[in-house]
N, C-alpha and C. Protein backbone atom coordinates (compact mmCIF):
# COMPACT_ATOMS: atom_id res chain seq x y z
N MET A 1 28.70 -9.32 6.86
CA MET A 1 27.35 -8.34 7.11
C MET A 1 26.69 -8.81 8.29
N ARG A 2 26.13 -8.13 8.98
CA ARG A 2 25.14 -8.58 10.22
C ARG A 2 23.96 -7.66 9.77
N ILE A 3 22.94 -8.37 10.12
CA ILE A 3 21.63 -7.77 9.86
C ILE A 3 20.61 -7.93 11.07
N TRP A 4 20.00 -7.02 11.53
CA TRP A 4 19.01 -7.34 12.92
C TRP A 4 17.88 -7.30 12.39
N PHE A 5 17.02 -8.12 12.87
CA PHE A 5 15.57 -8.31 12.66
C PHE A 5 14.90 -8.38 13.90
N LYS A 6 13.72 -7.55 13.93
CA LYS A 6 12.94 -7.05 15.21
C LYS A 6 11.23 -7.19 14.88
N ILE A 7 10.69 -8.07 15.83
CA ILE A 7 9.47 -8.05 15.59
C ILE A 7 8.71 -7.32 16.63
N TYR A 8 7.89 -6.47 16.00
CA TYR A 8 7.10 -5.27 17.12
C TYR A 8 5.65 -5.82 17.37
N THR A 9 5.16 -5.49 18.27
CA THR A 9 3.84 -5.33 18.64
C THR A 9 3.41 -4.43 19.59
N ASP A 10 2.65 -3.38 19.16
CA ASP A 10 2.31 -2.25 19.99
C ASP A 10 3.56 -1.39 20.47
N THR A 11 4.41 -1.09 19.59
CA THR A 11 5.70 -0.56 19.81
C THR A 11 6.61 -1.03 20.75
N HIS A 12 6.47 -2.43 20.96
CA HIS A 12 7.18 -3.35 22.13
C HIS A 12 8.03 -3.96 21.12
N LEU A 13 9.39 -4.21 21.39
CA LEU A 13 10.21 -5.41 20.67
C LEU A 13 9.74 -6.55 21.40
N MET A 14 9.17 -7.48 20.70
CA MET A 14 8.73 -8.88 21.01
C MET A 14 9.88 -9.82 21.08
N ARG A 15 10.55 -9.91 19.77
CA ARG A 15 11.56 -10.90 19.61
C ARG A 15 12.62 -10.28 18.54
N ASP A 16 13.81 -10.61 18.72
CA ASP A 16 14.73 -10.24 17.87
C ASP A 16 15.69 -11.11 17.49
N ILE A 17 16.44 -11.14 16.35
CA ILE A 17 17.82 -11.91 15.94
C ILE A 17 18.76 -11.27 15.28
N THR A 18 19.97 -11.61 15.35
CA THR A 18 20.84 -11.14 14.48
C THR A 18 21.61 -12.27 13.38
N ILE A 19 21.57 -11.99 12.37
CA ILE A 19 22.01 -12.79 11.14
C ILE A 19 23.27 -12.19 10.72
N GLU A 20 24.22 -13.21 10.77
CA GLU A 20 25.81 -12.75 10.23
C GLU A 20 25.95 -13.62 9.14
N ASN A 21 26.63 -13.11 8.00
CA ASN A 21 26.82 -13.78 6.86
C ASN A 21 28.22 -13.40 6.12
N ASP A 22 29.39 -13.96 6.37
CA ASP A 22 30.73 -13.81 6.00
C ASP A 22 30.89 -14.26 4.62
N SER A 23 29.99 -14.94 3.91
CA SER A 23 30.36 -15.46 2.71
C SER A 23 30.77 -14.45 1.62
N ASP A 24 31.15 -15.13 0.43
CA ASP A 24 31.81 -14.13 -0.52
C ASP A 24 30.58 -13.81 -1.66
N ASP A 25 29.17 -14.11 -1.42
CA ASP A 25 27.99 -13.95 -1.94
C ASP A 25 27.84 -12.45 -2.22
N THR A 26 27.24 -11.83 -3.21
CA THR A 26 26.75 -10.73 -3.27
C THR A 26 25.89 -9.96 -2.19
N ARG A 27 26.11 -8.63 -2.16
CA ARG A 27 25.45 -7.85 -1.04
C ARG A 27 23.58 -8.42 -1.26
N THR A 28 23.27 -8.54 -2.42
CA THR A 28 21.82 -8.88 -2.34
C THR A 28 21.60 -10.20 -2.08
N HIS A 29 22.33 -11.07 -2.56
CA HIS A 29 22.08 -12.78 -2.04
C HIS A 29 22.21 -12.55 -0.48
N LYS A 30 23.21 -11.87 0.33
CA LYS A 30 23.21 -11.97 1.74
C LYS A 30 22.15 -11.46 2.21
N ILE A 31 21.42 -10.26 1.67
CA ILE A 31 20.45 -9.68 2.35
C ILE A 31 19.22 -11.01 2.30
N PHE A 32 18.98 -11.40 1.15
CA PHE A 32 17.81 -12.40 0.85
C PHE A 32 18.22 -13.62 1.70
N LYS A 33 19.22 -13.88 1.84
CA LYS A 33 19.52 -15.29 2.63
C LYS A 33 19.35 -14.83 4.09
N ALA A 34 19.89 -13.71 4.53
CA ALA A 34 19.32 -13.62 5.94
C ALA A 34 18.07 -13.27 6.25
N LEU A 35 17.31 -12.49 5.30
CA LEU A 35 15.71 -12.60 5.50
C LEU A 35 15.19 -14.10 5.63
N GLU A 36 15.38 -14.97 4.86
CA GLU A 36 15.06 -16.45 4.94
C GLU A 36 15.23 -16.80 6.23
N ASP A 37 16.62 -16.75 6.67
CA ASP A 37 16.93 -17.46 8.06
C ASP A 37 16.35 -16.71 8.99
N ALA A 38 15.97 -15.62 9.13
CA ALA A 38 15.31 -14.87 10.10
C ALA A 38 13.94 -15.44 10.14
N CYS A 39 13.25 -15.60 8.89
CA CYS A 39 11.93 -15.91 8.76
C CYS A 39 11.73 -17.45 9.26
N LEU A 40 12.87 -18.29 9.06
CA LEU A 40 12.88 -19.82 9.79
C LEU A 40 12.93 -19.63 11.17
N ALA A 41 13.77 -18.75 11.66
CA ALA A 41 13.69 -18.51 13.10
C ALA A 41 12.70 -18.25 13.93
N PHE A 42 12.01 -17.50 13.23
CA PHE A 42 10.56 -16.56 13.51
C PHE A 42 9.28 -17.53 13.34
N ASP A 43 9.63 -18.82 12.53
CA ASP A 43 8.68 -19.27 11.55
C ASP A 43 7.56 -18.65 11.12
N LEU A 44 7.97 -17.97 10.29
CA LEU A 44 7.03 -17.06 9.44
C LEU A 44 7.47 -17.34 7.84
N GLY A 45 6.24 -16.91 7.19
CA GLY A 45 6.59 -16.90 5.84
C GLY A 45 7.31 -15.88 5.09
N LYS A 46 8.16 -16.11 4.08
CA LYS A 46 8.66 -14.92 3.64
C LYS A 46 7.92 -13.76 3.27
N PRO A 47 8.24 -12.58 3.70
CA PRO A 47 7.38 -11.40 3.14
C PRO A 47 7.63 -10.88 1.92
N ILE A 48 6.85 -10.21 1.03
CA ILE A 48 7.06 -9.94 -0.39
C ILE A 48 7.58 -8.47 -0.30
N TRP A 49 8.50 -8.02 -1.12
CA TRP A 49 9.06 -6.88 -1.03
C TRP A 49 8.23 -5.94 -2.12
N LEU A 50 7.73 -4.67 -1.45
CA LEU A 50 6.89 -4.00 -2.25
C LEU A 50 7.84 -2.75 -2.47
N ASP A 51 7.63 -1.95 -3.42
CA ASP A 51 8.34 -0.89 -4.05
C ASP A 51 8.83 -0.13 -2.74
N SER A 52 7.80 0.30 -1.76
CA SER A 52 8.15 1.06 -0.55
C SER A 52 9.18 0.59 0.17
N ASN A 53 9.16 -0.96 0.41
CA ASN A 53 10.46 -1.58 0.98
C ASN A 53 11.66 -1.29 0.33
N VAL A 54 11.92 -1.55 -0.92
CA VAL A 54 12.98 -1.38 -1.69
C VAL A 54 13.63 -0.15 -1.31
N SER A 55 12.49 0.93 -1.70
CA SER A 55 12.88 2.61 -1.48
C SER A 55 13.58 2.69 -0.16
N ASP A 56 13.11 2.29 0.89
CA ASP A 56 13.48 2.65 2.34
C ASP A 56 14.68 1.76 2.55
N PHE A 57 14.76 0.57 1.92
CA PHE A 57 15.96 -0.24 2.14
C PHE A 57 17.41 0.69 1.59
N LYS A 58 16.95 0.95 0.29
CA LYS A 58 18.17 1.81 -0.34
C LYS A 58 18.56 2.81 0.38
N ARG A 59 17.54 3.56 0.79
CA ARG A 59 17.87 4.97 1.34
C ARG A 59 18.48 4.89 2.78
N HIS A 60 17.81 3.95 3.55
CA HIS A 60 18.28 3.94 5.08
C HIS A 60 18.94 2.79 5.38
N GLY A 61 18.98 1.75 4.58
CA GLY A 61 19.62 0.47 4.93
C GLY A 61 18.73 -0.36 5.94
N LYS A 62 17.29 0.02 6.34
CA LYS A 62 16.41 -0.89 7.10
C LYS A 62 14.99 -0.65 6.29
N THR A 63 14.06 -1.61 6.75
CA THR A 63 12.65 -1.73 6.16
C THR A 63 11.88 -2.39 7.21
N ARG A 64 10.66 -2.14 7.00
CA ARG A 64 9.60 -2.70 7.81
C ARG A 64 8.71 -3.65 6.90
N PHE A 65 8.47 -4.77 7.43
CA PHE A 65 7.44 -5.48 6.56
C PHE A 65 6.11 -5.68 7.76
N THR A 66 5.06 -5.23 7.15
CA THR A 66 3.89 -5.33 7.76
C THR A 66 2.90 -6.20 7.27
N LYS A 67 1.68 -6.42 7.69
CA LYS A 67 0.75 -7.39 7.30
C LYS A 67 0.33 -7.29 6.00
N ASP A 68 0.74 -6.07 5.32
CA ASP A 68 0.78 -6.21 3.62
C ASP A 68 1.55 -7.01 3.12
N ASN A 69 2.98 -7.09 3.49
CA ASN A 69 3.86 -7.80 2.92
C ASN A 69 3.96 -9.45 3.08
N PHE A 70 2.88 -9.89 4.05
CA PHE A 70 2.76 -11.36 4.20
C PHE A 70 1.49 -11.90 3.67
N VAL A 71 1.73 -13.11 3.16
CA VAL A 71 0.32 -13.68 2.59
C VAL A 71 -0.52 -14.33 3.57
N GLU A 72 0.10 -14.98 4.68
CA GLU A 72 -0.35 -15.33 5.85
C GLU A 72 -0.78 -14.33 6.80
N ASP A 73 -1.64 -14.56 7.79
CA ASP A 73 -1.98 -13.52 8.71
C ASP A 73 -0.74 -13.64 9.88
N ILE A 74 -0.64 -12.54 10.22
CA ILE A 74 0.74 -12.45 11.45
C ILE A 74 0.06 -11.67 12.83
N ASP A 75 0.56 -12.44 13.68
CA ASP A 75 0.20 -11.94 15.22
C ASP A 75 1.06 -10.71 15.75
N PHE A 76 1.70 -9.87 14.97
CA PHE A 76 2.52 -8.84 15.25
C PHE A 76 2.37 -7.47 14.14
N ASP A 77 2.99 -6.33 14.80
CA ASP A 77 2.69 -5.25 13.96
C ASP A 77 3.58 -5.09 12.81
N PHE A 78 4.68 -5.43 12.94
CA PHE A 78 5.81 -5.40 11.79
C PHE A 78 6.97 -5.95 12.15
N LEU A 79 7.64 -6.51 11.06
CA LEU A 79 9.00 -7.19 11.38
C LEU A 79 9.97 -5.96 10.67
N GLU A 80 11.03 -5.71 11.47
CA GLU A 80 11.87 -4.64 10.80
C GLU A 80 13.25 -5.11 10.56
N MET A 81 13.70 -4.97 9.35
CA MET A 81 14.92 -5.47 8.99
C MET A 81 16.21 -4.11 8.88
N HIS A 82 17.10 -4.45 9.63
CA HIS A 82 18.22 -3.23 9.55
C HIS A 82 19.80 -3.81 9.41
N ILE A 83 20.46 -3.32 8.69
CA ILE A 83 21.79 -3.57 8.56
C ILE A 83 22.61 -2.92 9.43
N ILE A 84 23.19 -3.65 10.19
CA ILE A 84 24.02 -3.03 11.54
C ILE A 84 25.57 -2.99 10.98
N GLU A 85 25.97 -3.74 9.98
CA GLU A 85 27.57 -3.80 9.87
C GLU A 85 27.53 -4.57 8.43
N GLU A 86 28.50 -3.73 7.45
CA GLU A 86 28.41 -4.22 6.11
C GLU A 86 30.10 -4.70 6.06
N ASP A 87 30.35 -5.56 5.02
CA ASP A 87 31.56 -5.76 4.86
C ASP A 87 32.40 -4.91 4.04
């Protein structure tokens, strides 16, 4: 599985990272682990999954985490998470 994480500010891509996970974990565990790894790389706290995030992710294979998803203040508009390849 490969998941692409992108940080946007004013519609500009500021930073991105692709996380790969070829383990035998479940799809859900791979997604949460990739999010954790991306947040560590970006030096962010983990965002909170809201119902809208879960719905978007199930429907489109991607979602955006905005300031409403983070406990601390963020200096960007949103973090986008997008599955680009599944096992």
